[in-house]
Amino acid sequence: MNQQQPADKLDALLRGWAERRQAAQDLDALEQRILAAVAEEASRGNLGAACPSPAVSDRHRLASNALAWFSIGAAAIVAAVACWLLIDGNGKSDVPARQARKLPPRSAWLDGRELGEKGRLIREMERVFDHRLQWIAETGGRVLLEVQSQPATDAAESCVPLAAQIVVVRRDPRQPQAVPVWTVDVVARQERVIRLSAESAGLPEGIELRFWAYPVDEEMVAVDSSLSFPGLALAWDFSSVQKCGEPLAVCRVERNGVEYEVFQTVARLDKET
């Protein structure tokens, strides 16, 4: 009986992860098209003033079910119409549009399903690489790994696994929703130093990312991170604590009326699902 080789198992894991992420990206694109259509109808006076849709932390990605896609799209349209109906007689909503627009975009959140997949991924990959895995990163459709020469010690294996996502979004006054322009996902045990650059990881020229995190308790995590993105004249250094699972805006710049914002999200993966 043939046993599955480590390389085959790794290939299957990465291919499955990439397919799930592609389905999620397709769903994001569907949502953007629906919201754009609603905004267009509103500008023609068919729906009244457009109402921004707030981000939610629990996003169920049922990308494999076509009926679910239709239901989500219909719900988005109904929500937009409901927002219009709730606007008061003076044509003003209870929440200023500027404030609502500043909520973290949908793309910045990590939902329960994603966290479950990432937790399973790091545990399987550690077994494949005999506990020599340092970190996994995914950006631009590419999966990157760092594997050390020696297996981790027992103390290192007891460290909490973490998932981190950093996303750069573009906010254009002519568009109803923030649009992601660059995203990186990282999975690693606590206190692993992650460095990504054009030289080490094939990132676009000039982009450099450094990341380190340590869970303070069940709710908070200490993070030391930095990003340099010359193409957008964007850079930041962050050394503080943030709440697990909630996107935090760590940088914001404006260029020719277009705003770019960086959101950082970190979550624990120590609960097996």
C-alpha atoms as a PDB file:
ATOM      1  CA  MET A   1       0.000   0.000   0.000  1.00  0.00           C
ATOM      2  CA  ASN A   2       1.476   3.353  -1.025  1.00  0.00           C
ATOM      3  CA  GLN A   3       1.929   6.000   1.623  1.00  0.00           C
ATOM      4  CA  GLN A   4       1.392   9.634   0.789  1.00  0.00           C
ATOM      5  CA  GLN A   5       4.752  11.400   0.547  1.00  0.00           C
ATOM      6  CA  PRO A   6       5.365  14.644   2.541  1.00  0.00           C
ATOM      7  CA  ALA A   7       5.703  16.634  -0.683  1.00  0.00           C
ATOM      8  CA  ASP A   8       2.342  15.336  -1.950  1.00  0.00           C
ATOM      9  CA  LYS A   9       0.683  16.123   1.375  1.00  0.00           C
ATOM     10  CA  LEU A  10       2.165  19.634   1.363  1.00  0.00           C
ATOM     11  CA  ASP A  11       0.997  20.198  -2.200  1.00  0.00           C
ATOM     12  CA  ALA A  12      -2.546  19.094  -1.312  1.00  0.00           C
ATOM     13  CA  LEU A  13      -2.660  21.331   1.757  1.00  0.00           C
ATOM     14  CA  LEU A  14      -1.451  24.431  -0.081  1.00  0.00           C
ATOM     15  CA  ARG A  15      -3.694  23.786  -3.084  1.00  0.00           C
ATOM     16  CA  GLY A  16      -6.744  23.417  -0.851  1.00  0.00           C
ATOM     17  CA  TRP A  17      -5.900  26.577   1.058  1.00  0.00           C
ATOM     18  CA  ALA A  18      -5.430  28.552  -2.172  1.00  0.00           C
ATOM     19  CA  GLU A  19      -8.759  27.291  -3.579  1.00  0.00           C
ATOM     20  CA  ARG A  20     -10.631  28.331  -0.440  1.00  0.00           C
ATOM     21  CA  ARG A  21      -9.042  31.797  -0.542  1.00  0.00           C
ATOM     22  CA  GLN A  22      -9.936  32.167  -4.245  1.00  0.00           C
ATOM     23  CA  ALA A  23     -13.576  31.351  -3.450  1.00  0.00           C
ATOM     24  CA  ALA A  24     -13.567  33.978  -0.719  1.00  0.00           C
ATOM     25  CA  GLN A  25     -12.081  36.540  -3.130  1.00  0.00           C
ATOM     26  CA  ASP A  26     -14.830  35.734  -5.647  1.00  0.00           C
ATOM     27  CA  LEU A  27     -17.423  36.372  -2.940  1.00  0.00           C
ATOM     28  CA  ASP A  28     -15.774  39.683  -2.066  1.00  0.00           C
ATOM     29  CA  ALA A  29     -15.915  40.695  -5.738  1.00  0.00           C
ATOM     30  CA  LEU A  30     -19.609  39.763  -5.878  1.00  0.00           C
ATOM     31  CA  GLU A  31     -20.317  41.933  -2.858  1.00  0.00           C
ATOM     32  CA  GLN A  32     -18.434  44.869  -4.408  1.00  0.00           C
ATOM     33  CA  ARG A  33     -20.472  44.601  -7.628  1.00  0.00           C
ATOM     34  CA  ILE A  34     -23.764  44.502  -5.708  1.00  0.00           C
ATOM     35  CA  LEU A  35     -22.864  47.521  -3.569  1.00  0.00           C
ATOM     36  CA  ALA A  36     -21.683  49.434  -6.641  1.00  0.00           C
ATOM     37  CA  ALA A  37     -25.000  48.704  -8.372  1.00  0.00           C
ATOM     38  CA  VAL A  38     -26.957  49.904  -5.335  1.00  0.00           C
ATOM     39  CA  ALA A  39     -24.876  53.094  -5.221  1.00  0.00           C
ATOM     40  CA  GLU A  40     -25.527  53.709  -8.929  1.00  0.00           C
ATOM     41  CA  GLU A  41     -29.261  53.311  -8.443  1.00  0.00           C
ATOM     42  CA  ALA A  42     -29.112  55.685  -5.489  1.00  0.00           C
ATOM     43  CA  SER A  43     -27.281  58.312  -7.566  1.00  0.00           C
ATOM     44  CA  ARG A  44     -30.130  58.124 -10.102  1.00  0.00           C
ATOM     45  CA  GLY A  45     -32.640  58.798  -7.357  1.00  0.00           C
ATOM     46  CA  ASN A  46     -34.145  55.310  -7.441  1.00  0.00           C
ATOM     47  CA  LEU A  47     -33.160  54.377  -3.899  1.00  0.00           C
ATOM     48  CA  GLY A  48     -32.530  57.696  -2.190  1.00  0.00           C
ATOM     49  CA  ALA A  49     -29.251  58.478  -0.425  1.00  0.00           C
ATOM     50  CA  ALA A  50     -26.778  55.604  -0.277  1.00  0.00           C
ATOM     51  CA  CYS A  51     -26.082  54.229   3.187  1.00  0.00           C
ATOM     52  CA  PRO A  52     -22.662  52.682   3.867  1.00  0.00           C
ATOM     53  CA  SER A  53     -22.799  49.124   5.107  1.00  0.00           C
ATOM     54  CA  PRO A  54     -20.875  48.586   8.397  1.00  0.00           C
ATOM     55  CA  ALA A  55     -18.326  45.786   8.633  1.00  0.00           C
ATOM     56  CA  VAL A  56     -19.192  42.742  10.700  1.00  0.00           C
ATOM     57  CA  SER A  57     -16.797  40.455  12.520  1.00  0.00           C
ATOM     58  CA  ASP A  58     -18.534  37.160  11.807  1.00  0.00           C
ATOM     59  CA  ARG A  59     -18.441  36.619   8.016  1.00  0.00           C
ATOM     60  CA  HIS A  60     -19.711  33.264   6.816  1.00  0.00           C
ATOM     61  CA  ARG A  61     -18.027  32.352   3.530  1.00  0.00           C
ATOM     62  CA  LEU A  62     -20.228  29.815   1.783  1.00  0.00           C
ATOM     63  CA  ALA A  63     -18.473  30.203  -1.531  1.00  0.00           C
ATOM     64  CA  SER A  64     -19.155  26.662  -2.683  1.00  0.00           C
ATOM     65  CA  ASN A  65     -22.931  27.072  -2.562  1.00  0.00           C
ATOM     66  CA  ALA A  66     -24.415  29.112  -5.417  1.00  0.00           C
ATOM     67  CA  LEU A  67     -27.698  29.583  -3.556  1.00  0.00           C
ATOM     68  CA  ALA A  68     -25.808  31.085  -0.625  1.00  0.00           C
ATOM     69  CA  TRP A  69     -24.118  33.550  -2.981  1.00  0.00           C
ATOM     70  CA  PHE A  70     -27.493  34.705  -4.258  1.00  0.00           C
ATOM     71  CA  SER A  71     -28.875  35.002  -0.717  1.00  0.00           C
ATOM     72  CA  ILE A  72     -25.917  37.108   0.423  1.00  0.00           C
ATOM     73  CA  GLY A  73     -26.301  39.398  -2.590  1.00  0.00           C
ATOM     74  CA  ALA A  74     -30.026  39.785  -1.991  1.00  0.00           C
ATOM     75  CA  ALA A  75     -29.407  40.503   1.690  1.00  0.00           C
ATOM     76  CA  ALA A  76     -26.956  43.266   0.782  1.00  0.00           C
ATOM     77  CA  ILE A  77     -29.545  44.949  -1.456  1.00  0.00           C
ATOM     78  CA  VAL A  78     -32.291  44.585   1.163  1.00  0.00           C
ATOM     79  CA  ALA A  79     -29.957  46.042   3.799  1.00  0.00           C
ATOM     80  CA  ALA A  80     -29.205  49.050   1.600  1.00  0.00           C
ATOM     81  CA  VAL A  81     -32.909  49.665   0.974  1.00  0.00           C
ATOM     82  CA  ALA A  82     -33.654  49.234   4.690  1.00  0.00           C
ATOM     83  CA  CYS A  83     -31.004  51.819   5.542  1.00  0.00           C
ATOM     84  CA  TRP A  84     -32.656  54.265   3.137  1.00  0.00           C
ATOM     85  CA  LEU A  85     -36.088  53.670   4.696  1.00  0.00           C
ATOM     86  CA  LEU A  86     -34.668  54.358   8.177  1.00  0.00           C
ATOM     87  CA  ILE A  87     -33.317  57.767   7.174  1.00  0.00           C
ATOM     88  CA  ASP A  88     -35.271  60.550   8.945  1.00  0.00           C
ATOM     89  CA  GLY A  89     -37.446  63.154   7.263  1.00  0.00           C
ATOM     90  CA  ASN A  90     -34.556  65.584   6.863  1.00  0.00           C
ATOM     91  CA  GLY A  91     -32.677  63.118   4.694  1.00  0.00           C
ATOM     92  CA  LYS A  92     -29.970  62.473   7.318  1.00  0.00           C
ATOM     93  CA  SER A  93     -29.075  59.136   8.872  1.00  0.00           C
ATOM     94  CA  ASP A  94     -28.393  58.622  12.577  1.00  0.00           C
ATOM     95  CA  VAL A  95     -24.711  57.816  11.863  1.00  0.00           C
ATOM     96  CA  PRO A  96     -22.738  60.353   9.809  1.00  0.00           C
ATOM     97  CA  ALA A  97     -21.575  58.869   6.504  1.00  0.00           C
ATOM     98  CA  ARG A  98     -17.955  59.869   7.197  1.00  0.00           C
ATOM     99  CA  GLN A  99     -17.985  58.000  10.523  1.00  0.00           C
ATOM    100  CA  ALA A 100     -19.650  54.887   9.082  1.00  0.00           C
ATOM    101  CA  ARG A 101     -17.201  54.816   6.174  1.00  0.00           C
ATOM    102  CA  LYS A 102     -14.308  54.692   8.645  1.00  0.00           C
ATOM    103  CA  LEU A 103     -15.349  51.324  10.043  1.00  0.00           C
ATOM    104  CA  PRO A 104     -12.871  48.536   9.198  1.00  0.00           C
ATOM    105  CA  PRO A 105     -13.765  47.135   5.765  1.00  0.00           C
ATOM    106  CA  ARG A 106     -14.985  43.566   5.363  1.00  0.00           C
ATOM    107  CA  SER A 107     -11.645  42.491   3.913  1.00  0.00           C
ATOM    108  CA  ALA A 108      -9.848  43.373   7.171  1.00  0.00           C
ATOM    109  CA  TRP A 109     -11.693  40.826   9.333  1.00  0.00           C
ATOM    110  CA  LEU A 110     -10.755  37.210  10.053  1.00  0.00           C
ATOM    111  CA  ASP A 111     -13.870  35.098  10.639  1.00  0.00           C
ATOM    112  CA  GLY A 112     -14.215  31.876  12.593  1.00  0.00           C
ATOM    113  CA  ARG A 113     -14.026  29.663   9.523  1.00  0.00           C
ATOM    114  CA  GLU A 114     -10.797  31.270   8.342  1.00  0.00           C
ATOM    115  CA  LEU A 115      -9.236  30.922  11.793  1.00  0.00           C
ATOM    116  CA  GLY A 116     -10.226  27.256  11.935  1.00  0.00           C
ATOM    117  CA  GLU A 117      -8.580  26.618   8.549  1.00  0.00           C
ATOM    118  CA  LYS A 118      -5.409  28.464   9.544  1.00  0.00           C
ATOM    119  CA  GLY A 119      -5.186  26.561  12.837  1.00  0.00           C
ATOM    120  CA  ARG A 120      -5.471  23.226  11.050  1.00  0.00           C
ATOM    121  CA  LEU A 121      -2.981  24.380   8.415  1.00  0.00           C
ATOM    122  CA  ILE A 122      -0.186  25.217  10.852  1.00  0.00           C
ATOM    123  CA  ARG A 123      -0.652  21.984  12.811  1.00  0.00           C
ATOM    124  CA  GLU A 124      -0.550  19.870   9.634  1.00  0.00           C
ATOM    125  CA  MET A 125       2.425  21.759   8.201  1.00  0.00           C
ATOM    126  CA  GLU A 126       4.370  21.371  11.437  1.00  0.00           C
ATOM    127  CA  ARG A 127       3.869  17.624  11.187  1.00  0.00           C
ATOM    128  CA  VAL A 128       4.898  17.593   7.521  1.00  0.00           C
ATOM    129  CA  PHE A 129       8.134  19.461   8.309  1.00  0.00           C
ATOM    130  CA  ASP A 130       8.867  17.565  11.525  1.00  0.00           C
ATOM    131  CA  HIS A 131       8.291  20.665  13.694  1.00  0.00           C
ATOM    132  CA  ARG A 132      10.916  22.712  11.840  1.00  0.00           C
ATOM    133  CA  LEU A 133       8.357  25.165  10.406  1.00  0.00           C
ATOM    134  CA  GLN A 134       8.886  28.800  11.415  1.00  0.00           C
ATOM    135  CA  TRP A 135       6.037  30.564   9.648  1.00  0.00           C
ATOM    136  CA  ILE A 136       3.661  30.494   6.665  1.00  0.00           C
ATOM    137  CA  ALA A 137       2.785  33.617   4.663  1.00  0.00           C
ATOM    138  CA  GLU A 138       0.442  34.153   1.725  1.00  0.00           C
ATOM    139  CA  THR A 139       0.398  37.248  -0.484  1.00  0.00           C
ATOM    140  CA  GLY A 140      -0.404  37.903  -4.114  1.00  0.00           C
ATOM    141  CA  GLY A 141      -1.507  34.301  -4.623  1.00  0.00           C
ATOM    142  CA  ARG A 142       1.892  32.974  -3.487  1.00  0.00           C
ATOM    143  CA  VAL A 143       2.494  30.820  -0.402  1.00  0.00           C
ATOM    144  CA  LEU A 144       5.817  31.379   1.385  1.00  0.00           C
ATOM    145  CA  LEU A 145       7.439  29.214   4.081  1.00  0.00           C
ATOM    146  CA  GLU A 146      10.429  29.408   6.370  1.00  0.00           C
ATOM    147  CA  VAL A 147      11.771  26.102   7.680  1.00  0.00           C
ATOM    148  CA  GLN A 148      14.671  25.909  10.122  1.00  0.00           C
ATOM    149  CA  SER A 149      17.357  23.223  10.070  1.00  0.00           C
ATOM    150  CA  GLN A 150      16.575  21.781  13.519  1.00  0.00           C
ATOM    151  CA  PRO A 151      13.214  20.738  15.044  1.00  0.00           C
ATOM    152  CA  ALA A 152      11.682  23.102  17.552  1.00  0.00           C
ATOM    153  CA  THR A 153      12.162  22.379  21.246  1.00  0.00           C
ATOM    154  CA  ASP A 154       9.337  21.191  23.464  1.00  0.00           C
ATOM    155  CA  ALA A 155       9.102  24.694  24.935  1.00  0.00           C
ATOM    156  CA  ALA A 156       8.715  26.231  21.473  1.00  0.00           C
ATOM    157  CA  GLU A 157       5.950  23.781  20.566  1.00  0.00           C
ATOM    158  CA  SER A 158       3.962  24.907  23.620  1.00  0.00           C
ATOM    159  CA  CYS A 159       3.855  28.479  22.248  1.00  0.00           C
ATOM    160  CA  VAL A 160       0.491  29.808  21.087  1.00  0.00           C
ATOM    161  CA  PRO A 161      -0.079  29.784  17.295  1.00  0.00           C
ATOM    162  CA  LEU A 162      -1.253  33.109  15.887  1.00  0.00           C
ATOM    163  CA  ALA A 163      -2.794  34.326  12.635  1.00  0.00           C
ATOM    164  CA  ALA A 164      -2.108  37.850  11.420  1.00  0.00           C
ATOM    165  CA  GLN A 165      -3.485  39.751   8.462  1.00  0.00           C
ATOM    166  CA  ILE A 166      -2.272  43.105   7.182  1.00  0.00           C
ATOM    167  CA  VAL A 167      -4.301  44.729   4.433  1.00  0.00           C
ATOM    168  CA  VAL A 168      -3.818  48.036   2.614  1.00  0.00           C
ATOM    169  CA  VAL A 169      -7.124  49.461   1.389  1.00  0.00           C
ATOM    170  CA  ARG A 170      -7.919  52.300  -0.983  1.00  0.00           C
ATOM    171  CA  ARG A 171     -10.806  54.666  -0.250  1.00  0.00           C
ATOM    172  CA  ASP A 172     -11.952  56.662  -3.269  1.00  0.00           C
ATOM    173  CA  PRO A 173     -14.808  59.190  -2.793  1.00  0.00           C
ATOM    174  CA  ARG A 174     -16.301  57.867  -6.063  1.00  0.00           C
ATOM    175  CA  GLN A 175     -16.548  54.300  -4.731  1.00  0.00           C
ATOM    176  CA  PRO A 176     -18.998  53.087  -2.053  1.00  0.00           C
ATOM    177  CA  GLN A 177     -16.553  50.656  -0.421  1.00  0.00           C
ATOM    178  CA  ALA A 178     -12.864  50.478   0.464  1.00  0.00           C
ATOM    179  CA  VAL A 179     -10.935  48.322  -2.034  1.00  0.00           C
ATOM    180  CA  PRO A 180      -7.985  46.132  -0.911  1.00  0.00           C
ATOM    181  CA  VAL A 181      -4.814  46.871  -2.890  1.00  0.00           C
ATOM    182  CA  TRP A 182      -2.367  44.608  -1.014  1.00  0.00           C
ATOM    183  CA  THR A 183      -2.815  41.890   1.605  1.00  0.00           C
ATOM    184  CA  VAL A 184      -0.518  39.528   3.468  1.00  0.00           C
ATOM    185  CA  ASP A 185      -1.617  36.669   5.749  1.00  0.00           C
ATOM    186  CA  VAL A 186       0.800  35.135   8.227  1.00  0.00           C
ATOM    187  CA  VAL A 187       0.493  32.065  10.466  1.00  0.00           C
ATOM    188  CA  ALA A 188       3.176  31.379  13.093  1.00  0.00           C
ATOM    189  CA  ARG A 189       3.804  30.508  16.710  1.00  0.00           C
ATOM    190  CA  GLN A 190       4.163  33.395  19.142  1.00  0.00           C
ATOM    191  CA  GLU A 191       7.438  35.341  19.218  1.00  0.00           C
ATOM    192  CA  ARG A 192       8.562  34.169  15.783  1.00  0.00           C
ATOM    193  CA  VAL A 193      10.226  37.027  13.894  1.00  0.00           C
ATOM    194  CA  ILE A 194       8.835  37.282  10.361  1.00  0.00           C
ATOM    195  CA  ARG A 195      10.604  39.355   7.715  1.00  0.00           C
ATOM    196  CA  LEU A 196       9.338  39.637   4.161  1.00  0.00           C
ATOM    197  CA  SER A 197      10.937  41.669   1.390  1.00  0.00           C
ATOM    198  CA  ALA A 198      11.595  41.667  -2.336  1.00  0.00           C
ATOM    199  CA  GLU A 199      14.897  39.850  -1.733  1.00  0.00           C
ATOM    200  CA  SER A 200      13.691  37.244   0.776  1.00  0.00           C
ATOM    201  CA  ALA A 201      10.137  36.590  -0.379  1.00  0.00           C
ATOM    202  CA  GLY A 202       9.760  38.015  -3.872  1.00  0.00           C
ATOM    203  CA  LEU A 203       7.507  40.891  -2.797  1.00  0.00           C
ATOM    204  CA  PRO A 204       7.059  43.866  -5.159  1.00  0.00           C
ATOM    205  CA  GLU A 205      10.180  46.014  -5.244  1.00  0.00           C
ATOM    206  CA  GLY A 206      10.650  48.125  -2.117  1.00  0.00           C
ATOM    207  CA  ILE A 207       7.974  46.510   0.059  1.00  0.00           C
ATOM    208  CA  GLU A 208       9.318  45.294   3.392  1.00  0.00           C
ATOM    209  CA  LEU A 209       7.368  43.807   6.285  1.00  0.00           C
ATOM    210  CA  ARG A 210       8.530  42.840   9.777  1.00  0.00           C
ATOM    211  CA  PHE A 211       6.185  41.215  12.305  1.00  0.00           C
ATOM    212  CA  TRP A 212       6.410  39.812  15.848  1.00  0.00           C
ATOM    213  CA  ALA A 213       3.562  39.063  18.275  1.00  0.00           C
ATOM    214  CA  TYR A 214       3.023  37.749  21.792  1.00  0.00           C
ATOM    215  CA  PRO A 215      -0.379  37.029  23.421  1.00  0.00           C
ATOM    216  CA  VAL A 216      -0.654  38.962  26.692  1.00  0.00           C
ATOM    217  CA  ASP A 217      -3.842  37.132  27.721  1.00  0.00           C
ATOM    218  CA  GLU A 218      -6.983  35.661  26.132  1.00  0.00           C
ATOM    219  CA  GLU A 219      -8.110  39.066  24.824  1.00  0.00           C
ATOM    220  CA  MET A 220      -4.996  41.111  24.057  1.00  0.00           C
ATOM    221  CA  VAL A 221      -1.825  40.565  22.048  1.00  0.00           C
ATOM    222  CA  ALA A 222       1.376  42.594  21.988  1.00  0.00           C
ATOM    223  CA  VAL A 223       2.603  43.350  18.463  1.00  0.00           C
ATOM    224  CA  ASP A 224       5.775  44.850  17.051  1.00  0.00           C
ATOM    225  CA  SER A 225       5.461  45.410  13.313  1.00  0.00           C
ATOM    226  CA  SER A 226       6.529  47.687  10.502  1.00  0.00           C
ATOM    227  CA  LEU A 227       5.740  48.083   6.819  1.00  0.00           C
ATOM    228  CA  SER A 228       7.390  50.078   4.074  1.00  0.00           C
ATOM    229  CA  PHE A 229       5.370  50.513   0.870  1.00  0.00           C
ATOM    230  CA  PRO A 230       7.272  53.008  -1.329  1.00  0.00           C
ATOM    231  CA  GLY A 231       4.816  52.803  -4.218  1.00  0.00           C
ATOM    232  CA  LEU A 232       2.209  54.545  -2.040  1.00  0.00           C
ATOM    233  CA  ALA A 233       4.717  56.559   0.027  1.00  0.00           C
ATOM    234  CA  LEU A 234       3.332  54.621   2.978  1.00  0.00           C
ATOM    235  CA  ALA A 235       5.283  53.459   6.038  1.00  0.00           C
ATOM    236  CA  TRP A 236       4.609  52.730   9.686  1.00  0.00           C
ATOM    237  CA  ASP A 237       6.134  51.270  12.855  1.00  0.00           C
ATOM    238  CA  PHE A 238       3.781  49.785  15.445  1.00  0.00           C
ATOM    239  CA  SER A 239       4.726  48.663  18.966  1.00  0.00           C
ATOM    240  CA  SER A 240       1.717  48.294  21.211  1.00  0.00           C
ATOM    241  CA  VAL A 241      -1.106  45.937  22.211  1.00  0.00           C
ATOM    242  CA  GLN A 242      -4.340  45.311  20.346  1.00  0.00           C
ATOM    243  CA  LYS A 243      -7.463  43.252  20.878  1.00  0.00           C
ATOM    244  CA  CYS A 244      -7.472  39.731  19.439  1.00  0.00           C
ATOM    245  CA  GLY A 245      -9.557  39.339  16.311  1.00  0.00           C
ATOM    246  CA  GLU A 246     -10.347  43.042  15.773  1.00  0.00           C
ATOM    247  CA  PRO A 247      -8.812  45.019  12.874  1.00  0.00           C
ATOM    248  CA  LEU A 248      -6.801  48.033  13.992  1.00  0.00           C
ATOM    249  CA  ALA A 249      -6.011  50.973  11.702  1.00  0.00           C
ATOM    250  CA  VAL A 250      -2.256  51.466  12.081  1.00  0.00           C
ATOM    251  CA  CYS A 251      -1.597  53.924   9.257  1.00  0.00           C
ATOM    252  CA  ARG A 252      -3.552  56.350   7.069  1.00  0.00           C
ATOM    253  CA  VAL A 253      -2.335  58.618   4.257  1.00  0.00           C
ATOM    254  CA  GLU A 254      -4.060  60.683   1.572  1.00  0.00           C
ATOM    255  CA  ARG A 255      -2.823  61.103  -1.994  1.00  0.00           C
ATOM    256  CA  ASN A 256      -4.634  63.412  -4.459  1.00  0.00           C
ATOM    257  CA  GLY A 257      -7.965  63.019  -2.682  1.00  0.00           C
ATOM    258  CA  VAL A 258      -7.635  59.224  -2.413  1.00  0.00           C
ATOM    259  CA  GLU A 259      -7.091  57.764   1.047  1.00  0.00           C
ATOM    260  CA  TYR A 260      -4.985  54.694   1.798  1.00  0.00           C
ATOM    261  CA  GLU A 261      -5.368  52.909   5.114  1.00  0.00           C
ATOM    262  CA  VAL A 262      -3.558  49.945   6.671  1.00  0.00           C
ATOM    263  CA  PHE A 263      -5.430  47.517   8.946  1.00  0.00           C
ATOM    264  CA  GLN A 264      -3.696  44.947  11.146  1.00  0.00           C
ATOM    265  CA  THR A 265      -5.592  41.989  12.630  1.00  0.00           C
ATOM    266  CA  VAL A 266      -4.152  39.338  14.964  1.00  0.00           C
ATOM    267  CA  ALA A 267      -5.984  36.315  16.407  1.00  0.00           C
ATOM    268  CA  ARG A 268      -5.130  33.254  18.489  1.00  0.00           C
ATOM    269  CA  LEU A 269      -5.282  29.772  16.952  1.00  0.00           C
ATOM    270  CA  ASP A 270      -4.826  27.680  20.097  1.00  0.00           C
ATOM    271  CA  LYS A 271      -8.429  26.410  20.071  1.00  0.00           C
ATOM    272  CA  GLU A 272      -8.745  23.426  17.718  1.00  0.00           C
ATOM    273  CA  THR A 273     -11.834  23.463  15.495  1.00  0.00           C
END
